[in-house]
Amino acid sequence: MIRRTVNTLLAGALLGLSSLANAIDLRPFDASALAGLQSAGKPVAVHFHANWCPTCVSQTRAFDQMKSAGQLQGLTVLVADYDKETELRRTLKVRSQSTLVVYRGKDEVARSAGQTDPEALRKALAAAL
């Protein structure tokens, strides 16, 4: 009886961990990471973030909720520093912080600027899947 209970608890814990391992991956922007993910045809987004931007902070909270909820498995969000990544901003024609550019491989499939509604952000990100 105890053994069955322990096995059930372990199986549940492993299942929970596996869903977290596949959850949305938030990490700092790296040009080679973006190129690699795009070349592999993976879903990826670039989030232009500024620490001084309250909208960006709200977006990050929404992304963190998506991460902990295990939504958008396999999607990587690369967080670009809006103030430092000026060449990337020019290349992607980003005019304001809090812009999200979403790709399925090398194809841009969604773009959002200033959006803080978690469901709208989730839908934009889901376009990459």
C-alpha atoms as a PDB file:
ATOM      1  CA  MET A   1       0.000   0.000   0.000  1.00  0.00           C
ATOM      2  CA  ILE A   2       2.743   2.434   0.976  1.00  0.00           C
ATOM      3  CA  ARG A   3       4.811   1.411  -2.027  1.00  0.00           C
ATOM      4  CA  ARG A   4       1.902   2.086  -4.389  1.00  0.00           C
ATOM      5  CA  THR A   5       1.355   5.518  -2.826  1.00  0.00           C
ATOM      6  CA  VAL A   6       5.043   6.402  -3.153  1.00  0.00           C
ATOM      7  CA  ASN A   7       5.079   5.241  -6.783  1.00  0.00           C
ATOM      8  CA  THR A   8       1.998   7.302  -7.544  1.00  0.00           C
ATOM      9  CA  LEU A   9       3.536  10.397  -5.940  1.00  0.00           C
ATOM     10  CA  LEU A  10       6.801   9.911  -7.833  1.00  0.00           C
ATOM     11  CA  ALA A  11       4.990   9.466 -11.145  1.00  0.00           C
ATOM     12  CA  GLY A  12       3.010  12.660 -10.518  1.00  0.00           C
ATOM     13  CA  ALA A  13       6.153  14.579  -9.632  1.00  0.00           C
ATOM     14  CA  LEU A  14       7.953  13.382 -12.767  1.00  0.00           C
ATOM     15  CA  LEU A  15       4.981  14.286 -14.940  1.00  0.00           C
ATOM     16  CA  GLY A  16       4.931  17.773 -13.396  1.00  0.00           C
ATOM     17  CA  LEU A  17       8.666  18.216 -13.950  1.00  0.00           C
ATOM     18  CA  SER A  18       8.435  17.095 -17.562  1.00  0.00           C
ATOM     19  CA  SER A  19       5.798  19.723 -18.324  1.00  0.00           C
ATOM     20  CA  LEU A  20       7.993  22.418 -16.757  1.00  0.00           C
ATOM     21  CA  ALA A  21      10.973  21.281 -18.778  1.00  0.00           C
ATOM     22  CA  ASN A  22       8.990  21.899 -21.961  1.00  0.00           C
ATOM     23  CA  ALA A  23       7.497  25.223 -20.865  1.00  0.00           C
ATOM     24  CA  ILE A  24       8.250  28.574 -22.466  1.00  0.00           C
ATOM     25  CA  ASP A  25      11.965  29.315 -22.268  1.00  0.00           C
ATOM     26  CA  LEU A  26      12.838  32.932 -21.358  1.00  0.00           C
ATOM     27  CA  ARG A  27      16.469  33.923 -21.801  1.00  0.00           C
ATOM     28  CA  PRO A  28      18.611  36.953 -22.670  1.00  0.00           C
ATOM     29  CA  PHE A  29      18.919  37.828 -26.340  1.00  0.00           C
ATOM     30  CA  ASP A  30      21.808  36.288 -28.219  1.00  0.00           C
ATOM     31  CA  ALA A  31      22.104  36.749 -31.994  1.00  0.00           C
ATOM     32  CA  SER A  32      23.581  33.286 -32.526  1.00  0.00           C
ATOM     33  CA  ALA A  33      20.782  31.700 -30.479  1.00  0.00           C
ATOM     34  CA  LEU A  34      18.177  33.489 -32.608  1.00  0.00           C
ATOM     35  CA  ALA A  35      19.881  32.414 -35.825  1.00  0.00           C
ATOM     36  CA  GLY A  36      20.208  28.824 -34.620  1.00  0.00           C
ATOM     37  CA  LEU A  37      16.580  28.554 -33.528  1.00  0.00           C
ATOM     38  CA  GLN A  38      15.362  30.121 -36.763  1.00  0.00           C
ATOM     39  CA  SER A  39      17.551  27.849 -38.919  1.00  0.00           C
ATOM     40  CA  ALA A  40      16.174  24.838 -37.056  1.00  0.00           C
ATOM     41  CA  GLY A  41      12.613  26.022 -37.747  1.00  0.00           C
ATOM     42  CA  LYS A  42      11.886  26.430 -34.033  1.00  0.00           C
ATOM     43  CA  PRO A  43       9.309  28.828 -32.575  1.00  0.00           C
ATOM     44  CA  VAL A  44      11.073  31.890 -31.188  1.00  0.00           C
ATOM     45  CA  ALA A  45      10.186  35.434 -30.180  1.00  0.00           C
ATOM     46  CA  VAL A  46      12.232  38.528 -29.446  1.00  0.00           C
ATOM     47  CA  HIS A  47      10.929  40.737 -26.653  1.00  0.00           C
ATOM     48  CA  PHE A  48      12.364  44.265 -26.586  1.00  0.00           C
ATOM     49  CA  HIS A  49      12.506  45.063 -22.887  1.00  0.00           C
ATOM     50  CA  ALA A  50      13.647  48.093 -20.891  1.00  0.00           C
ATOM     51  CA  ASN A  51      13.924  47.943 -17.106  1.00  0.00           C
ATOM     52  CA  TRP A  52      12.529  51.479 -16.815  1.00  0.00           C
ATOM     53  CA  CYS A  53       9.407  50.577 -18.850  1.00  0.00           C
ATOM     54  CA  PRO A  54       6.332  49.664 -16.766  1.00  0.00           C
ATOM     55  CA  THR A  55       4.683  48.041 -19.793  1.00  0.00           C
ATOM     56  CA  CYS A  56       7.746  45.811 -20.270  1.00  0.00           C
ATOM     57  CA  VAL A  57       7.628  44.808 -16.615  1.00  0.00           C
ATOM     58  CA  SER A  58       3.941  43.848 -16.980  1.00  0.00           C
ATOM     59  CA  GLN A  59       4.773  41.818 -20.080  1.00  0.00           C
ATOM     60  CA  THR A  60       7.545  39.993 -18.240  1.00  0.00           C
ATOM     61  CA  ARG A  61       5.094  39.090 -15.461  1.00  0.00           C
ATOM     62  CA  ALA A  62       2.702  37.708 -18.075  1.00  0.00           C
ATOM     63  CA  PHE A  63       5.506  35.662 -19.671  1.00  0.00           C
ATOM     64  CA  ASP A  64       6.499  34.330 -16.247  1.00  0.00           C
ATOM     65  CA  GLN A  65       2.900  33.227 -15.633  1.00  0.00           C
ATOM     66  CA  MET A  66       2.882  31.436 -18.975  1.00  0.00           C
ATOM     67  CA  LYS A  67       6.161  29.774 -18.060  1.00  0.00           C
ATOM     68  CA  SER A  68       4.914  28.493 -14.707  1.00  0.00           C
ATOM     69  CA  ALA A  69       1.625  27.353 -16.251  1.00  0.00           C
ATOM     70  CA  GLY A  70       3.530  25.231 -18.751  1.00  0.00           C
ATOM     71  CA  GLN A  71       1.933  26.923 -21.748  1.00  0.00           C
ATOM     72  CA  LEU A  72       3.566  27.269 -25.151  1.00  0.00           C
ATOM     73  CA  GLN A  73       5.845  24.253 -24.895  1.00  0.00           C
ATOM     74  CA  GLY A  74       8.981  24.493 -26.995  1.00  0.00           C
ATOM     75  CA  LEU A  75       8.819  28.263 -27.498  1.00  0.00           C
ATOM     76  CA  THR A  76      11.863  30.405 -26.716  1.00  0.00           C
ATOM     77  CA  VAL A  77      11.529  34.104 -25.882  1.00  0.00           C
ATOM     78  CA  LEU A  78      14.789  36.003 -26.243  1.00  0.00           C
ATOM     79  CA  VAL A  79      14.730  39.190 -24.170  1.00  0.00           C
ATOM     80  CA  ALA A  80      16.600  42.000 -25.938  1.00  0.00           C
ATOM     81  CA  ASP A  81      17.705  45.094 -24.022  1.00  0.00           C
ATOM     82  CA  TYR A  82      15.897  47.896 -25.839  1.00  0.00           C
ATOM     83  CA  ASP A  83      18.522  50.472 -24.888  1.00  0.00           C
ATOM     84  CA  LYS A  84      21.532  48.389 -25.962  1.00  0.00           C
ATOM     85  CA  GLU A  85      20.339  46.437 -29.008  1.00  0.00           C
ATOM     86  CA  THR A  86      20.077  49.457 -31.314  1.00  0.00           C
ATOM     87  CA  GLU A  87      21.247  47.639 -34.465  1.00  0.00           C
ATOM     88  CA  LEU A  88      18.754  44.816 -33.855  1.00  0.00           C
ATOM     89  CA  ARG A  89      15.995  47.407 -33.392  1.00  0.00           C
ATOM     90  CA  ARG A  90      16.884  48.968 -36.747  1.00  0.00           C
ATOM     91  CA  THR A  91      17.066  45.618 -38.506  1.00  0.00           C
ATOM     92  CA  LEU A  92      13.681  44.498 -37.176  1.00  0.00           C
ATOM     93  CA  LYS A  93      12.133  47.986 -37.533  1.00  0.00           C
ATOM     94  CA  VAL A  94      11.247  48.170 -33.846  1.00  0.00           C
ATOM     95  CA  ARG A  95      10.304  51.693 -32.819  1.00  0.00           C
ATOM     96  CA  SER A  96       9.398  51.251 -29.175  1.00  0.00           C
ATOM     97  CA  GLN A  97      10.221  49.205 -26.125  1.00  0.00           C
ATOM     98  CA  SER A  98       7.685  46.548 -25.160  1.00  0.00           C
ATOM     99  CA  THR A  99       7.642  45.217 -28.722  1.00  0.00           C
ATOM    100  CA  LEU A 100       7.328  41.491 -29.267  1.00  0.00           C
ATOM    101  CA  VAL A 101       8.370  39.972 -32.611  1.00  0.00           C
ATOM    102  CA  VAL A 102       7.311  36.346 -33.063  1.00  0.00           C
ATOM    103  CA  TYR A 103       8.795  33.879 -35.562  1.00  0.00           C
ATOM    104  CA  ARG A 104       8.046  30.405 -36.804  1.00  0.00           C
ATOM    105  CA  GLY A 105      11.503  29.573 -38.057  1.00  0.00           C
ATOM    106  CA  LYS A 106      12.628  32.558 -40.117  1.00  0.00           C
ATOM    107  CA  ASP A 107       9.105  33.790 -40.888  1.00  0.00           C
ATOM    108  CA  GLU A 108       7.658  36.590 -38.775  1.00  0.00           C
ATOM    109  CA  VAL A 109       4.155  35.444 -37.796  1.00  0.00           C
ATOM    110  CA  ALA A 110       3.128  38.061 -35.220  1.00  0.00           C
ATOM    111  CA  ARG A 111       4.151  41.422 -33.821  1.00  0.00           C
ATOM    112  CA  SER A 112       2.821  43.267 -30.822  1.00  0.00           C
ATOM    113  CA  ALA A 113       3.760  46.585 -29.242  1.00  0.00           C
ATOM    114  CA  GLY A 114       2.642  47.825 -25.850  1.00  0.00           C
ATOM    115  CA  GLN A 115       0.344  44.870 -25.208  1.00  0.00           C
ATOM    116  CA  THR A 116       0.014  43.808 -21.559  1.00  0.00           C
ATOM    117  CA  ASP A 117      -3.058  41.579 -21.699  1.00  0.00           C
ATOM    118  CA  PRO A 118      -1.751  38.060 -20.934  1.00  0.00           C
ATOM    119  CA  GLU A 119      -4.236  36.379 -23.276  1.00  0.00           C
ATOM    120  CA  ALA A 120      -3.331  38.672 -26.194  1.00  0.00           C
ATOM    121  CA  LEU A 121       0.376  38.026 -25.554  1.00  0.00           C
ATOM    122  CA  ARG A 122      -0.257  34.274 -25.380  1.00  0.00           C
ATOM    123  CA  LYS A 123      -2.102  34.380 -28.720  1.00  0.00           C
ATOM    124  CA  ALA A 124       0.756  36.321 -30.332  1.00  0.00           C
ATOM    125  CA  LEU A 125       3.281  33.790 -29.042  1.00  0.00           C
ATOM    126  CA  ALA A 126       1.066  30.851 -30.022  1.00  0.00           C
ATOM    127  CA  ALA A 127       1.243  31.998 -33.647  1.00  0.00           C
ATOM    128  CA  ALA A 128       4.786  30.567 -33.695  1.00  0.00           C
ATOM    129  CA  LEU A 129       3.601  27.043 -32.852  1.00  0.00           C
END
